[in-house]
Protein backbone atom coordinates (compact mmCIF):
# COMPACT_ATOMS: atom_id res chain seq x y z
CA UNK A 1 -3.16 -1.07 26.79
CA UNK A 2 -5.63 1.68 25.15
CA UNK A 3 -7.42 1.27 22.31
CA UNK A 4 -6.08 4.28 20.49
CA UNK A 5 -2.78 2.47 21.15
CA UNK A 6 -3.42 -0.81 19.68
CA UNK A 7 -5.52 0.81 16.81
CA UNK A 8 -3.19 3.70 16.24
CA UNK A 9 -5.78 5.83 16.84
CA UNK A 10 -9.74 6.57 17.35
CA UNK A 11 -10.82 2.68 16.41
CA UNK A 12 -13.72 4.07 14.31
CA UNK A 13 -11.51 5.93 12.30
CA UNK A 14 -9.14 3.49 11.84
CA UNK A 15 -11.52 1.01 10.66
CA UNK A 16 -13.16 3.89 8.28
CA UNK A 17 -9.70 4.71 6.74
CA UNK A 18 -9.04 0.88 6.19
CA UNK A 19 -12.08 0.56 4.27
CA UNK A 20 -11.66 3.33 2.03
CA UNK A 21 -8.14 2.10 1.09
CA UNK A 22 -9.32 -1.63 0.69
CA UNK A 23 -12.14 0.05 -1.52
CA UNK A 24 -9.18 1.93 -3.33
CA UNK A 25 -6.99 -1.40 -3.88
CA UNK A 26 -9.84 -3.65 -4.64
CA UNK A 27 -10.27 -0.96 -7.71
CA UNK A 28 -6.86 -1.02 -8.88
CA UNK A 29 -6.51 -5.11 -8.69
CA UNK A 30 -10.15 -5.20 -10.63
CA UNK A 31 -8.48 -2.80 -13.11
CA UNK A 32 -5.27 -4.78 -13.45
CA UNK A 33 -7.83 -8.18 -14.13
CA UNK A 34 -7.45 -9.74 -10.60
CA UNK A 35 -10.54 -11.12 -8.67
CA UNK A 36 -11.51 -13.27 -6.01
CA UNK A 37 -11.72 -16.36 -7.97
CA UNK A 38 -8.24 -16.36 -9.66
CA UNK A 39 -6.18 -13.61 -6.93
CA UNK A 40 -3.78 -16.44 -6.18
CA UNK A 41 -3.37 -17.92 -9.92
CA UNK A 42 -2.41 -14.01 -10.25
CA UNK A 43 -0.29 -13.98 -7.55
CA UNK A 44 1.52 -17.16 -8.84
CA UNK A 45 1.73 -16.04 -12.53
CA UNK A 46 3.15 -12.64 -10.72
CA UNK A 47 5.96 -14.45 -8.72
CA UNK A 48 6.93 -16.70 -11.50
CA UNK A 49 7.20 -13.81 -13.76
CA UNK A 50 9.49 -11.90 -11.41
CA UNK A 51 12.07 -14.94 -10.83
CA UNK A 52 11.98 -15.34 -14.76
CA UNK A 53 13.01 -11.83 -14.86
CA UNK A 54 15.43 -12.31 -12.31
CA UNK A 55 17.25 -15.26 -13.85
CA UNK A 56 17.12 -13.49 -17.18
CA UNK A 57 19.07 -10.84 -15.47
CA UNK A 58 21.55 -12.98 -14.32
CA UNK A 59 21.88 -14.88 -17.53
CA UNK A 60 22.57 -11.71 -19.12
CA UNK A 61 24.81 -10.63 -16.28
CA UNK A 62 26.63 -14.36 -16.61
CA UNK A 63 27.04 -13.90 -20.75
CA UNK A 64 28.88 -10.74 -20.20
CA UNK A 65 30.89 -11.34 -17.41
CA UNK A 66 32.30 -14.65 -19.75
CA UNK A 67 32.83 -12.71 -22.82
CA UNK A 68 34.31 -9.63 -20.54
CA UNK A 69 36.64 -12.59 -18.92
CA UNK A 70 37.97 -13.83 -22.35
CA UNK A 71 40.01 -10.91 -22.27
CA UNK A 72 40.61 -9.65 -18.83
CA UNK A 73 41.61 -13.03 -17.43
CA UNK A 74 44.70 -13.62 -20.07
CA UNK A 75 45.87 -10.24 -19.33
CA UNK A 76 45.62 -10.45 -15.70
CA UNK A 77 47.35 -14.11 -15.64
CA UNK A 78 50.11 -12.53 -18.38
CA UNK A 79 50.59 -9.30 -15.75
CA UNK A 80 51.09 -11.53 -12.57
CA UNK A 81 53.28 -13.63 -14.39
CA UNK A 82 55.47 -10.82 -15.73
CA UNK A 83 54.88 -9.40 -11.87
CA UNK A 84 56.30 -12.50 -10.66
CA UNK A 85 59.17 -12.70 -12.76
CA UNK A 86 60.44 -9.18 -12.44
CA UNK A 87 60.20 -9.94 -8.50
CA UNK A 88 62.41 -12.70 -8.79
CA UNK A 89 64.97 -10.71 -11.14
CA UNK A 90 65.43 -7.90 -8.90
């Protein structure tokens, strides 16, 4: 295998690009208050917040589904019973 194939281009250019991108990402992370001493703590907090948001969305969705089911299910049940009665009458 060729070095250019492994690195995706000239190895020195790739390392330079990776260094520049790493500096840029480091600046953004530092602006967000993430540094080397609390990196894993912050990642854990971010994942926990995303997890909590997801289940809050499901809680919201479940609440509206139950509220709608109070109306929809009885109407559906009545329609099924009436439909079954009509089928037998014919």
